[in-house]
Amino acid sequence: MLTYTTEKHIVFCPDFRIFSIRCVEEISKYLSNQKKENQSKQVVIDMSKVQSLTAEFFDLIKENSQEIVLINTNAEILAILNLTGYDKKLKLFVTSIDMEEDKRELRNRKFRIV
């Protein structure tokens, strides 16, 4: 998994079509280290290559007290997050530019499942 940091964020870019347990382990390891070192960078996951989610992804969101940011999320995953209610526990942005500026967050999303 590729990672890069900005002034306020650490961005994880999974290279897998399925958000697997390996991705969750790497992010969880970073989060536990961050708590030990008292750092304050916000965790961002670039979902541009991810097509499917696993139960471990939802466990990561549920167990994490820090709000996670998702960027470049496809419509199917947005619909799943909305149906499960996990979209309320995340910040969602369309692009990394929106995330860096902390503007144009996806809010009040209304999805229709056809």
PDB file of N, CA and C in Angstrom:
ATOM      1  N   MET A   1       0.858  -1.164   0.000  1.00  0.00           N
ATOM      2  CA  MET A   1       0.000   0.000   0.000  1.00  0.00           C
ATOM      3  C   MET A   1       0.911   1.236   0.000  1.00  0.00           C
ATOM      4  N   LEU A   2       0.595   2.157  -0.860  1.00  0.00           N
ATOM      5  CA  LEU A   2       1.330   3.407  -0.916  1.00  0.00           C
ATOM      6  C   LEU A   2       0.826   4.352   0.166  1.00  0.00           C
ATOM      7  N   THR A   3       1.735   5.110   0.739  1.00  0.00           N
ATOM      8  CA  THR A   3       1.348   6.134   1.707  1.00  0.00           C
ATOM      9  C   THR A   3       2.154   7.393   1.442  1.00  0.00           C
ATOM     10  N   TYR A   4       1.541   8.503   1.715  1.00  0.00           N
ATOM     11  CA  TYR A   4       2.266   9.765   1.682  1.00  0.00           C
ATOM     12  C   TYR A   4       1.655  10.694   2.723  1.00  0.00           C
ATOM     13  N   THR A   5       2.441  11.679   3.128  1.00  0.00           N
ATOM     14  CA  THR A   5       1.981  12.582   4.171  1.00  0.00           C
ATOM     15  C   THR A   5       1.917  14.002   3.640  1.00  0.00           C
ATOM     16  N   THR A   6       1.007  14.750   4.213  1.00  0.00           N
ATOM     17  CA  THR A   6       0.908  16.183   3.963  1.00  0.00           C
ATOM     18  C   THR A   6       1.077  16.861   5.316  1.00  0.00           C
ATOM     19  N   GLU A   7       0.861  18.139   5.343  1.00  0.00           N
ATOM     20  CA  GLU A   7       1.032  18.877   6.590  1.00  0.00           C
ATOM     21  C   GLU A   7       0.077  18.394   7.686  1.00  0.00           C
ATOM     22  N   LYS A   8      -1.165  18.087   7.310  1.00  0.00           N
ATOM     23  CA  LYS A   8      -2.187  17.721   8.292  1.00  0.00           C
ATOM     24  C   LYS A   8      -2.644  16.268   8.200  1.00  0.00           C
ATOM     25  N   HIS A   9      -2.293  15.568   7.109  1.00  0.00           N
ATOM     26  CA  HIS A   9      -2.868  14.254   6.839  1.00  0.00           C
ATOM     27  C   HIS A   9      -1.793  13.223   6.517  1.00  0.00           C
ATOM     28  N   ILE A  10      -2.143  11.964   6.758  1.00  0.00           N
ATOM     29  CA  ILE A  10      -1.402  10.845   6.194  1.00  0.00           C
ATOM     30  C   ILE A  10      -2.387  10.097   5.310  1.00  0.00           C
ATOM     31  N   VAL A  11      -1.996   9.899   4.058  1.00  0.00           N
ATOM     32  CA  VAL A  11      -2.901   9.328   3.062  1.00  0.00           C
ATOM     33  C   VAL A  11      -2.452   7.910   2.733  1.00  0.00           C
ATOM     34  N   PHE A  12      -3.361   6.965   2.903  1.00  0.00           N
ATOM     35  CA  PHE A  12      -3.124   5.570   2.539  1.00  0.00           C
ATOM     36  C   PHE A  12      -3.811   5.310   1.199  1.00  0.00           C
ATOM     37  N   CYS A  13      -3.080   4.699   0.278  1.00  0.00           N
ATOM     38  CA  CYS A  13      -3.612   4.404  -1.058  1.00  0.00           C
ATOM     39  C   CYS A  13      -3.552   2.902  -1.306  1.00  0.00           C
ATOM     40  N   PRO A  14      -4.613   2.166  -0.963  1.00  0.00           N
ATOM     41  CA  PRO A  14      -4.599   0.719  -1.198  1.00  0.00           C
ATOM     42  C   PRO A  14      -4.507   0.408  -2.695  1.00  0.00           C
ATOM     43  N   ASP A  15      -3.680  -0.574  -3.027  1.00  0.00           N
ATOM     44  CA  ASP A  15      -3.512  -0.992  -4.418  1.00  0.00           C
ATOM     45  C   ASP A  15      -4.410  -2.163  -4.779  1.00  0.00           C
ATOM     46  N   PHE A  16      -5.349  -2.494  -3.927  1.00  0.00           N
ATOM     47  CA  PHE A  16      -6.176  -3.675  -4.112  1.00  0.00           C
ATOM     48  C   PHE A  16      -7.600  -3.287  -4.481  1.00  0.00           C
ATOM     49  N   ARG A  17      -8.268  -4.164  -5.225  1.00  0.00           N
ATOM     50  CA  ARG A  17      -9.664  -3.911  -5.572  1.00  0.00           C
ATOM     51  C   ARG A  17     -10.577  -4.160  -4.382  1.00  0.00           C
ATOM     52  N   ILE A  18     -10.148  -5.038  -3.468  1.00  0.00           N
ATOM     53  CA  ILE A  18     -10.920  -5.336  -2.265  1.00  0.00           C
ATOM     54  C   ILE A  18     -10.164  -4.773  -1.071  1.00  0.00           C
ATOM     55  N   PHE A  19     -10.857  -4.020  -0.238  1.00  0.00           N
ATOM     56  CA  PHE A  19     -10.231  -3.455   0.962  1.00  0.00           C
ATOM     57  C   PHE A  19     -10.026  -4.605   1.935  1.00  0.00           C
ATOM     58  N   SER A  20      -8.836  -5.183   1.892  1.00  0.00           N
ATOM     59  CA  SER A  20      -8.554  -6.430   2.594  1.00  0.00           C
ATOM     60  C   SER A  20      -8.074  -6.212   4.015  1.00  0.00           C
ATOM     61  N   ILE A  21      -7.852  -7.331   4.698  1.00  0.00           N
ATOM     62  CA  ILE A  21      -7.375  -7.289   6.072  1.00  0.00           C
ATOM     63  C   ILE A  21      -5.956  -6.727   6.126  1.00  0.00           C
ATOM     64  N   ARG A  22      -5.171  -6.899   5.068  1.00  0.00           N
ATOM     65  CA  ARG A  22      -3.815  -6.321   5.035  1.00  0.00           C
ATOM     66  C   ARG A  22      -3.864  -4.799   5.136  1.00  0.00           C
ATOM     67  N   CYS A  23      -4.786  -4.194   4.428  1.00  0.00           N
ATOM     68  CA  CYS A  23      -4.951  -2.733   4.493  1.00  0.00           C
ATOM     69  C   CYS A  23      -5.340  -2.301   5.894  1.00  0.00           C
ATOM     70  N   VAL A  24      -6.266  -3.016   6.486  1.00  0.00           N
ATOM     71  CA  VAL A  24      -6.738  -2.686   7.827  1.00  0.00           C
ATOM     72  C   VAL A  24      -5.601  -2.816   8.833  1.00  0.00           C
ATOM     73  N   GLU A  25      -4.779  -3.857   8.691  1.00  0.00           N
ATOM     74  CA  GLU A  25      -3.655  -4.058   9.615  1.00  0.00           C
ATOM     75  C   GLU A  25      -2.660  -2.906   9.532  1.00  0.00           C
ATOM     76  N   GLU A  26      -2.345  -2.450   8.316  1.00  0.00           N
ATOM     77  CA  GLU A  26      -1.398  -1.344   8.159  1.00  0.00           C
ATOM     78  C   GLU A  26      -1.942  -0.050   8.770  1.00  0.00           C
ATOM     79  N   ILE A  27      -3.202   0.231   8.520  1.00  0.00           N
ATOM     80  CA  ILE A  27      -3.810   1.452   9.066  1.00  0.00           C
ATOM     81  C   ILE A  27      -3.916   1.361  10.582  1.00  0.00           C
ATOM     82  N   SER A  28      -4.300   0.197  11.101  1.00  0.00           N
ATOM     83  CA  SER A  28      -4.401   0.014  12.550  1.00  0.00           C
ATOM     84  C   SER A  28      -3.039   0.160  13.221  1.00  0.00           C
ATOM     85  N   LYS A  29      -2.004  -0.366  12.583  1.00  0.00           N
ATOM     86  CA  LYS A  29      -0.652  -0.238  13.134  1.00  0.00           C
ATOM     87  C   LYS A  29      -0.241   1.232  13.198  1.00  0.00           C
ATOM     88  N   TYR A  30      -0.542   1.980  12.138  1.00  0.00           N
ATOM     89  CA  TYR A  30      -0.228   3.410  12.153  1.00  0.00           C
ATOM     90  C   TYR A  30      -1.000   4.125  13.257  1.00  0.00           C
ATOM     91  N   LEU A  31      -2.289   3.823  13.398  1.00  0.00           N
ATOM     92  CA  LEU A  31      -3.113   4.485  14.411  1.00  0.00           C
ATOM     93  C   LEU A  31      -2.614   4.195  15.826  1.00  0.00           C
ATOM     94  N   SER A  32      -2.195   2.965  16.094  1.00  0.00           N
ATOM     95  CA  SER A  32      -1.685   2.641  17.429  1.00  0.00           C
ATOM     96  C   SER A  32      -0.362   3.354  17.687  1.00  0.00           C
ATOM     97  N   ASN A  33       0.501   3.454  16.674  1.00  0.00           N
ATOM     98  CA  ASN A  33       1.756   4.200  16.830  1.00  0.00           C
ATOM     99  C   ASN A  33       1.487   5.684  17.033  1.00  0.00           C
ATOM    100  N   GLN A  34       0.497   6.193  16.346  1.00  0.00           N
ATOM    101  CA  GLN A  34       0.153   7.611  16.454  1.00  0.00           C
ATOM    102  C   GLN A  34      -0.304   7.938  17.875  1.00  0.00           C
ATOM    103  N   LYS A  35      -1.075   7.048  18.485  1.00  0.00           N
ATOM    104  CA  LYS A  35      -1.535   7.281  19.855  1.00  0.00           C
ATOM    105  C   LYS A  35      -0.351   7.291  20.820  1.00  0.00           C
ATOM    106  N   LYS A  36       0.617   6.392  20.612  1.00  0.00           N
ATOM    107  CA  LYS A  36       1.778   6.314  21.495  1.00  0.00           C
ATOM    108  C   LYS A  36       2.643   7.571  21.384  1.00  0.00           C
ATOM    109  N   GLU A  37       2.767   8.106  20.177  1.00  0.00           N
ATOM    110  CA  GLU A  37       3.640   9.256  19.943  1.00  0.00           C
ATOM    111  C   GLU A  37       2.916  10.594  20.054  1.00  0.00           C
ATOM    112  N   ASN A  38       1.619  10.566  20.345  1.00  0.00           N
ATOM    113  CA  ASN A  38       0.799  11.780  20.479  1.00  0.00           C
ATOM    114  C   ASN A  38       0.870  12.676  19.242  1.00  0.00           C
ATOM    115  N   GLN A  39       0.810  12.092  18.082  1.00  0.00           N
ATOM    116  CA  GLN A  39       0.765  12.864  16.848  1.00  0.00           C
ATOM    117  C   GLN A  39      -0.683  13.181  16.529  1.00  0.00           C
ATOM    118  N   SER A  40      -0.887  14.160  15.645  1.00  0.00           N
ATOM    119  CA  SER A  40      -2.262  14.566  15.377  1.00  0.00           C
ATOM    120  C   SER A  40      -2.595  14.606  13.884  1.00  0.00           C
ATOM    121  N   LYS A  41      -1.937  13.798  13.070  1.00  0.00           N
ATOM    122  CA  LYS A  41      -2.271  13.770  11.641  1.00  0.00           C
ATOM    123  C   LYS A  41      -3.543  12.945  11.427  1.00  0.00           C
ATOM    124  N   GLN A  42      -4.396  13.468  10.576  1.00  0.00           N
ATOM    125  CA  GLN A  42      -5.654  12.799  10.292  1.00  0.00           C
ATOM    126  C   GLN A  42      -5.431  11.715   9.239  1.00  0.00           C
ATOM    127  N   VAL A  43      -6.073  10.571   9.435  1.00  0.00           N
ATOM    128  CA  VAL A  43      -5.932   9.436   8.529  1.00  0.00           C
ATOM    129  C   VAL A  43      -6.890   9.615   7.359  1.00  0.00           C
ATOM    130  N   VAL A  44      -6.331   9.492   6.137  1.00  0.00           N
ATOM    131  CA  VAL A  44      -7.105   9.605   4.908  1.00  0.00           C
ATOM    132  C   VAL A  44      -6.884   8.335   4.099  1.00  0.00           C
ATOM    133  N   ILE A  45      -7.949   7.795   3.538  1.00  0.00           N
ATOM    134  CA  ILE A  45      -7.840   6.612   2.685  1.00  0.00           C
ATOM    135  C   ILE A  45      -8.308   6.999   1.296  1.00  0.00           C
ATOM    136  N   ASP A  46      -7.427   6.831   0.318  1.00  0.00           N
ATOM    137  CA  ASP A  46      -7.754   7.092  -1.081  1.00  0.00           C
ATOM    138  C   ASP A  46      -8.382   5.828  -1.654  1.00  0.00           C
ATOM    139  N   MET A  47      -9.669   5.884  -1.923  1.00  0.00           N
ATOM    140  CA  MET A  47     -10.430   4.710  -2.342  1.00  0.00           C
ATOM    141  C   MET A  47     -10.546   4.576  -3.863  1.00  0.00           C
ATOM    142  N   SER A  48      -9.679   5.236  -4.617  1.00  0.00           N
ATOM    143  CA  SER A  48      -9.819   5.268  -6.074  1.00  0.00           C
ATOM    144  C   SER A  48      -9.713   3.886  -6.727  1.00  0.00           C
ATOM    145  N   LYS A  49      -8.932   2.972  -6.151  1.00  0.00           N
ATOM    146  CA  LYS A  49      -8.795   1.636  -6.747  1.00  0.00           C
ATOM    147  C   LYS A  49      -9.670   0.590  -6.079  1.00  0.00           C
ATOM    148  N   VAL A  50     -10.259   0.925  -4.945  1.00  0.00           N
ATOM    149  CA  VAL A  50     -11.047  -0.041  -4.175  1.00  0.00           C
ATOM    150  C   VAL A  50     -12.437  -0.177  -4.787  1.00  0.00           C
ATOM    151  N   GLN A  51     -12.837  -1.417  -5.024  1.00  0.00           N
ATOM    152  CA  GLN A  51     -14.144  -1.711  -5.598  1.00  0.00           C
ATOM    153  C   GLN A  51     -15.096  -2.391  -4.612  1.00  0.00           C
ATOM    154  N   SER A  52     -14.527  -2.987  -3.552  1.00  0.00           N
ATOM    155  CA  SER A  52     -15.340  -3.753  -2.622  1.00  0.00           C
ATOM    156  C   SER A  52     -14.784  -3.619  -1.209  1.00  0.00           C
ATOM    157  N   LEU A  53     -15.671  -3.728  -0.216  1.00  0.00           N
ATOM    158  CA  LEU A  53     -15.288  -3.614   1.188  1.00  0.00           C
ATOM    159  C   LEU A  53     -15.464  -4.954   1.885  1.00  0.00           C
ATOM    160  N   THR A  54     -14.694  -5.150   2.947  1.00  0.00           N
ATOM    161  CA  THR A  54     -14.818  -6.356   3.763  1.00  0.00           C
ATOM    162  C   THR A  54     -15.306  -5.959   5.155  1.00  0.00           C
ATOM    163  N   ALA A  55     -15.629  -6.953   5.951  1.00  0.00           N
ATOM    164  CA  ALA A  55     -16.095  -6.699   7.321  1.00  0.00           C
ATOM    165  C   ALA A  55     -15.015  -6.027   8.154  1.00  0.00           C
ATOM    166  N   GLU A  56     -13.756  -6.295   7.849  1.00  0.00           N
ATOM    167  CA  GLU A  56     -12.654  -5.682   8.593  1.00  0.00           C
ATOM    168  C   GLU A  56     -12.632  -4.161   8.414  1.00  0.00           C
ATOM    169  N   PHE A  57     -13.029  -3.686   7.247  1.00  0.00           N
ATOM    170  CA  PHE A  57     -13.108  -2.241   7.009  1.00  0.00           C
ATOM    171  C   PHE A  57     -14.107  -1.601   7.966  1.00  0.00           C
ATOM    172  N   PHE A  58     -15.270  -2.215   8.109  1.00  0.00           N
ATOM    173  CA  PHE A  58     -16.297  -1.685   9.000  1.00  0.00           C
ATOM    174  C   PHE A  58     -15.861  -1.777  10.467  1.00  0.00           C
ATOM    175  N   ASP A  59     -15.123  -2.845  10.816  1.00  0.00           N
ATOM    176  CA  ASP A  59     -14.583  -2.965  12.173  1.00  0.00           C
ATOM    177  C   ASP A  59     -13.585  -1.847  12.452  1.00  0.00           C
ATOM    178  N   LEU A  60     -12.754  -1.505  11.467  1.00  0.00           N
ATOM    179  CA  LEU A  60     -11.788  -0.428  11.621  1.00  0.00           C
ATOM    180  C   LEU A  60     -12.487   0.895  11.922  1.00  0.00           C
ATOM    181  N   ILE A  61     -13.556   1.169  11.204  1.00  0.00           N
ATOM    182  CA  ILE A  61     -14.294   2.407  11.422  1.00  0.00           C
ATOM    183  C   ILE A  61     -14.965   2.396  12.796  1.00  0.00           C
ATOM    184  N   LYS A  62     -15.545   1.259  13.159  1.00  0.00           N
ATOM    185  CA  LYS A  62     -16.265   1.149  14.423  1.00  0.00           C
ATOM    186  C   LYS A  62     -15.323   1.285  15.622  1.00  0.00           C
ATOM    187  N   GLU A  63     -14.139   0.685  15.541  1.00  0.00           N
ATOM    188  CA  GLU A  63     -13.215   0.670  16.673  1.00  0.00           C
ATOM    189  C   GLU A  63     -12.392   1.943  16.797  1.00  0.00           C
ATOM    190  N   ASN A  64     -12.309   2.718  15.730  1.00  0.00           N
ATOM    191  CA  ASN A  64     -11.445   3.899  15.734  1.00  0.00           C
ATOM    192  C   ASN A  64     -12.194   5.102  16.289  1.00  0.00           C
ATOM    193  N   SER A  65     -11.590   5.759  17.266  1.00  0.00           N
ATOM    194  CA  SER A  65     -12.217   6.949  17.834  1.00  0.00           C
ATOM    195  C   SER A  65     -11.964   8.189  16.980  1.00  0.00           C
ATOM    196  N   GLN A  66     -10.850   8.190  16.236  1.00  0.00           N
ATOM    197  CA  GLN A  66     -10.522   9.315  15.356  1.00  0.00           C
ATOM    198  C   GLN A  66     -11.328   9.192  14.060  1.00  0.00           C
ATOM    199  N   GLU A  67     -11.835  10.325  13.575  1.00  0.00           N
ATOM    200  CA  GLU A  67     -12.613  10.314  12.345  1.00  0.00           C
ATOM    201  C   GLU A  67     -11.700  10.078  11.141  1.00  0.00           C
ATOM    202  N   ILE A  68     -12.063   9.132  10.305  1.00  0.00           N
ATOM    203  CA  ILE A  68     -11.298   8.789   9.115  1.00  0.00           C
ATOM    204  C   ILE A  68     -11.906   9.511   7.929  1.00  0.00           C
ATOM    205  N   VAL A  69     -11.058   9.923   6.988  1.00  0.00           N
ATOM    206  CA  VAL A  69     -11.498  10.624   5.789  1.00  0.00           C
ATOM    207  C   VAL A  69     -11.335   9.688   4.591  1.00  0.00           C
ATOM    208  N   LEU A  70     -12.348   9.633   3.735  1.00  0.00           N
ATOM    209  CA  LEU A  70     -12.258   8.884   2.481  1.00  0.00           C
ATOM    210  C   LEU A  70     -12.296   9.862   1.321  1.00  0.00           C
ATOM    211  N   ILE A  71     -11.419   9.636   0.339  1.00  0.00           N
ATOM    212  CA  ILE A  71     -11.434  10.453  -0.879  1.00  0.00           C
ATOM    213  C   ILE A  71     -11.524   9.534  -2.081  1.00  0.00           C
ATOM    214  N   ASN A  72     -11.989  10.065  -3.186  1.00  0.00           N
ATOM    215  CA  ASN A  72     -12.097   9.333  -4.461  1.00  0.00           C
ATOM    216  C   ASN A  72     -12.891   8.037  -4.329  1.00  0.00           C
ATOM    217  N   THR A  73     -13.973   8.085  -3.597  1.00  0.00           N
ATOM    218  CA  THR A  73     -14.794   6.901  -3.355  1.00  0.00           C
ATOM    219  C   THR A  73     -15.804   6.731  -4.474  1.00  0.00           C
ATOM    220  N   ASN A  74     -15.924   5.490  -4.993  1.00  0.00           N
ATOM    221  CA  ASN A  74     -16.870   5.275  -6.088  1.00  0.00           C
ATOM    222  C   ASN A  74     -18.315   5.209  -5.569  1.00  0.00           C
ATOM    223  N   ALA A  75     -19.256   5.300  -6.468  1.00  0.00           N
ATOM    224  CA  ALA A  75     -20.674   5.423  -6.111  1.00  0.00           C
ATOM    225  C   ALA A  75     -21.210   4.187  -5.394  1.00  0.00           C
ATOM    226  N   GLU A  76     -20.748   2.998  -5.778  1.00  0.00           N
ATOM    227  CA  GLU A  76     -21.237   1.783  -5.138  1.00  0.00           C
ATOM    228  C   GLU A  76     -20.846   1.736  -3.665  1.00  0.00           C
ATOM    229  N   ILE A  77     -19.613   2.126  -3.375  1.00  0.00           N
ATOM    230  CA  ILE A  77     -19.162   2.129  -1.977  1.00  0.00           C
ATOM    231  C   ILE A  77     -19.877   3.222  -1.196  1.00  0.00           C
ATOM    232  N   LEU A  78     -20.108   4.362  -1.806  1.00  0.00           N
ATOM    233  CA  LEU A  78     -20.883   5.416  -1.131  1.00  0.00           C
ATOM    234  C   LEU A  78     -22.286   4.926  -0.784  1.00  0.00           C
ATOM    235  N   ALA A  79     -22.895   4.175  -1.683  1.00  0.00           N
ATOM    236  CA  ALA A  79     -24.228   3.632  -1.419  1.00  0.00           C
ATOM    237  C   ALA A  79     -24.195   2.632  -0.274  1.00  0.00           C
ATOM    238  N   ILE A  80     -23.174   1.768  -0.235  1.00  0.00           N
ATOM    239  CA  ILE A  80     -23.046   0.794   0.853  1.00  0.00           C
ATOM    240  C   ILE A  80     -22.867   1.511   2.183  1.00  0.00           C
ATOM    241  N   LEU A  81     -22.010   2.524   2.191  1.00  0.00           N
ATOM    242  CA  LEU A  81     -21.785   3.279   3.423  1.00  0.00           C
ATOM    243  C   LEU A  81     -23.067   3.961   3.900  1.00  0.00           C
ATOM    244  N   ASN A  82     -23.846   4.470   2.954  1.00  0.00           N
ATOM    245  CA  ASN A  82     -25.103   5.128   3.304  1.00  0.00           C
ATOM    246  C   ASN A  82     -26.110   4.129   3.857  1.00  0.00           C
ATOM    247  N   LEU A  83     -26.229   2.970   3.218  1.00  0.00           N
ATOM    248  CA  LEU A  83     -27.189   1.960   3.668  1.00  0.00           C
ATOM    249  C   LEU A  83     -26.841   1.403   5.043  1.00  0.00           C
ATOM    250  N   THR A  84     -25.561   1.290   5.344  1.00  0.00           N
ATOM    251  CA  THR A  84     -25.139   0.740   6.636  1.00  0.00           C
ATOM    252  C   THR A  84     -25.053   1.805   7.723  1.00  0.00           C
ATOM    253  N   GLY A  85     -25.090   3.088   7.337  1.00  0.00           N
ATOM    254  CA  GLY A  85     -25.018   4.165   8.308  1.00  0.00           C
ATOM    255  C   GLY A  85     -23.606   4.585   8.664  1.00  0.00           C
ATOM    256  N   TYR A  86     -22.616   3.959   8.059  1.00  0.00           N
ATOM    257  CA  TYR A  86     -21.228   4.296   8.359  1.00  0.00           C
ATOM    258  C   TYR A  86     -20.801   5.620   7.725  1.00  0.00           C
ATOM    259  N   ASP A  87     -21.577   6.141   6.807  1.00  0.00           N
ATOM    260  CA  ASP A  87     -21.210   7.427   6.203  1.00  0.00           C
ATOM    261  C   ASP A  87     -21.264   8.559   7.220  1.00  0.00           C
ATOM    262  N   LYS A  88     -22.000   8.376   8.305  1.00  0.00           N
ATOM    263  CA  LYS A  88     -22.072   9.398   9.358  1.00  0.00           C
ATOM    264  C   LYS A  88     -20.812   9.416  10.216  1.00  0.00           C
ATOM    265  N   LYS A  89     -20.047   8.307  10.206  1.00  0.00           N
ATOM    266  CA  LYS A  89     -18.840   8.200  11.020  1.00  0.00           C
ATOM    267  C   LYS A  89     -17.581   8.597  10.248  1.00  0.00           C
ATOM    268  N   LEU A  90     -17.736   8.946   8.980  1.00  0.00           N
ATOM    269  CA  LEU A  90     -16.610   9.284   8.110  1.00  0.00           C
ATOM    270  C   LEU A  90     -16.768  10.686   7.551  1.00  0.00           C
ATOM    271  N   LYS A  91     -15.653  11.251   7.122  1.00  0.00           N
ATOM    272  CA  LYS A  91     -15.711  12.461   6.313  1.00  0.00           C
ATOM    273  C   LYS A  91     -15.438  12.015   4.886  1.00  0.00           C
ATOM    274  N   LEU A  92     -16.237  12.470   3.956  1.00  0.00           N
ATOM    275  CA  LEU A  92     -16.110  12.057   2.562  1.00  0.00           C
ATOM    276  C   LEU A  92     -15.845  13.267   1.686  1.00  0.00           C
ATOM    277  N   PHE A  93     -14.790  13.177   0.877  1.00  0.00           N
ATOM    278  CA  PHE A  93     -14.450  14.218  -0.079  1.00  0.00           C
ATOM    279  C   PHE A  93     -14.295  13.578  -1.452  1.00  0.00           C
ATOM    280  N   VAL A  94     -14.574  14.356  -2.488  1.00  0.00           N
ATOM    281  CA  VAL A  94     -14.448  13.846  -3.855  1.00  0.00           C
ATOM    282  C   VAL A  94     -12.980  13.772  -4.263  1.00  0.00           C
ATOM    283  N   THR A  95     -12.206  14.811  -3.964  1.00  0.00           N
ATOM    284  CA  THR A  95     -10.804  14.844  -4.378  1.00  0.00           C
ATOM    285  C   THR A  95      -9.899  15.202  -3.214  1.00  0.00           C
ATOM    286  N   SER A  96      -8.605  15.006  -3.424  1.00  0.00           N
ATOM    287  CA  SER A  96      -7.632  15.354  -2.385  1.00  0.00           C
ATOM    288  C   SER A  96      -7.516  16.865  -2.223  1.00  0.00           C
ATOM    289  N   ILE A  97      -7.800  17.614  -3.273  1.00  0.00           N
ATOM    290  CA  ILE A  97      -7.769  19.079  -3.172  1.00  0.00           C
ATOM    291  C   ILE A  97      -8.863  19.550  -2.219  1.00  0.00           C
ATOM    292  N   ASP A  98     -10.055  18.993  -2.346  1.00  0.00           N
ATOM    293  CA  ASP A  98     -11.150  19.334  -1.436  1.00  0.00           C
ATOM    294  C   ASP A  98     -10.779  18.987   0.004  1.00  0.00           C
ATOM    295  N   MET A  99     -10.128  17.839   0.183  1.00  0.00           N
ATOM    296  CA  MET A  99      -9.727  17.408   1.512  1.00  0.00           C
ATOM    297  C   MET A  99      -8.702  18.366   2.110  1.00  0.00           C
ATOM    298  N   GLU A 100      -7.695  18.757   1.329  1.00  0.00           N
ATOM    299  CA  GLU A 100      -6.657  19.659   1.826  1.00  0.00           C
ATOM    300  C   GLU A 100      -7.238  21.020   2.207  1.00  0.00           C
ATOM    301  N   GLU A 101      -8.190  21.496   1.416  1.00  0.00           N
ATOM    302  CA  GLU A 101      -8.818  22.782   1.712  1.00  0.00           C
ATOM    303  C   GLU A 101      -9.899  22.663   2.783  1.00  0.00           C
ATOM    304  N   ASP A 102     -10.308  21.428   3.096  1.00  0.00           N
ATOM    305  CA  ASP A 102     -11.391  21.137   4.031  1.00  0.00           C
ATOM    306  C   ASP A 102     -12.674  21.857   3.610  1.00  0.00           C
ATOM    307  N   LYS A 103     -12.948  21.778   2.310  1.00  0.00           N
ATOM    308  CA  LYS A 103     -14.161  22.377   1.735  1.00  0.00           C
ATOM    309  C   LYS A 103     -14.836  21.348   0.840  1.00  0.00           C
ATOM    310  N   ARG A 104     -16.085  21.578   0.545  1.00  0.00           N
ATOM    311  CA  ARG A 104     -16.871  20.761  -0.373  1.00  0.00           C
ATOM    312  C   ARG A 104     -16.953  19.291   0.069  1.00  0.00           C
ATOM    313  N   GLU A 105     -17.195  19.095   1.356  1.00  0.00           N
ATOM    314  CA  GLU A 105     -17.393  17.745   1.874  1.00  0.00           C
ATOM    315  C   GLU A 105     -18.728  17.212   1.372  1.00  0.00           C
ATOM    316  N   LEU A 106     -18.774  15.918   1.071  1.00  0.00           N
ATOM    317  CA  LEU A 106     -20.032  15.295   0.656  1.00  0.00           C
ATOM    318  C   LEU A 106     -20.925  15.170   1.885  1.00  0.00           C
ATOM    319  N   ARG A 107     -22.013  15.911   1.892  1.00  0.00           N
ATOM    320  CA  ARG A 107     -22.958  15.864   3.012  1.00  0.00           C
ATOM    321  C   ARG A 107     -24.372  15.688   2.471  1.00  0.00           C
ATOM    322  N   ASN A 108     -25.220  15.224   3.348  1.00  0.00           N
ATOM    323  CA  ASN A 108     -26.632  15.053   2.994  1.00  0.00           C
ATOM    324  C   ASN A 108     -26.794  14.285   1.690  1.00  0.00           C
ATOM    325  N   ARG A 109     -26.091  13.179   1.622  1.00  0.00           N
ATOM    326  CA  ARG A 109     -26.119  12.375   0.402  1.00  0.00           C
ATOM    327  C   ARG A 109     -27.428  11.610   0.327  1.00  0.00           C
ATOM    328  N   LYS A 110     -28.054  11.662  -0.799  1.00  0.00           N
ATOM    329  CA  LYS A 110     -29.279  10.910  -1.018  1.00  0.00           C
ATOM    330  C   LYS A 110     -29.032   9.951  -2.194  1.00  0.00           C
ATOM    331  N   PHE A 111     -29.069   8.650  -1.896  1.00  0.00           N
ATOM    332  CA  PHE A 111     -28.814   7.661  -2.925  1.00  0.00           C
ATOM    333  C   PHE A 111     -30.106   6.917  -3.234  1.00  0.00           C
ATOM    334  N   ARG A 112     -30.225   6.549  -4.443  1.00  0.00           N
ATOM    335  CA  ARG A 112     -31.347   5.704  -4.842  1.00  0.00           C
ATOM    336  C   ARG A 112     -30.782   4.418  -5.411  1.00  0.00           C
ATOM    337  N   ILE A 113     -31.199   3.337  -4.843  1.00  0.00           N
ATOM    338  CA  ILE A 113     -30.746   2.027  -5.306  1.00  0.00           C
ATOM    339  C   ILE A 113     -31.742   1.548  -6.343  1.00  0.00           C
ATOM    340  N   VAL A 114     -31.226   1.288  -7.526  1.00  0.00           N
ATOM    341  CA  VAL A 114     -32.095   0.844  -8.624  1.00  0.00           C
ATOM    342  C   VAL A 114     -31.920  -0.644  -8.840  1.00  0.00           C
TER     343      VAL A 114
END
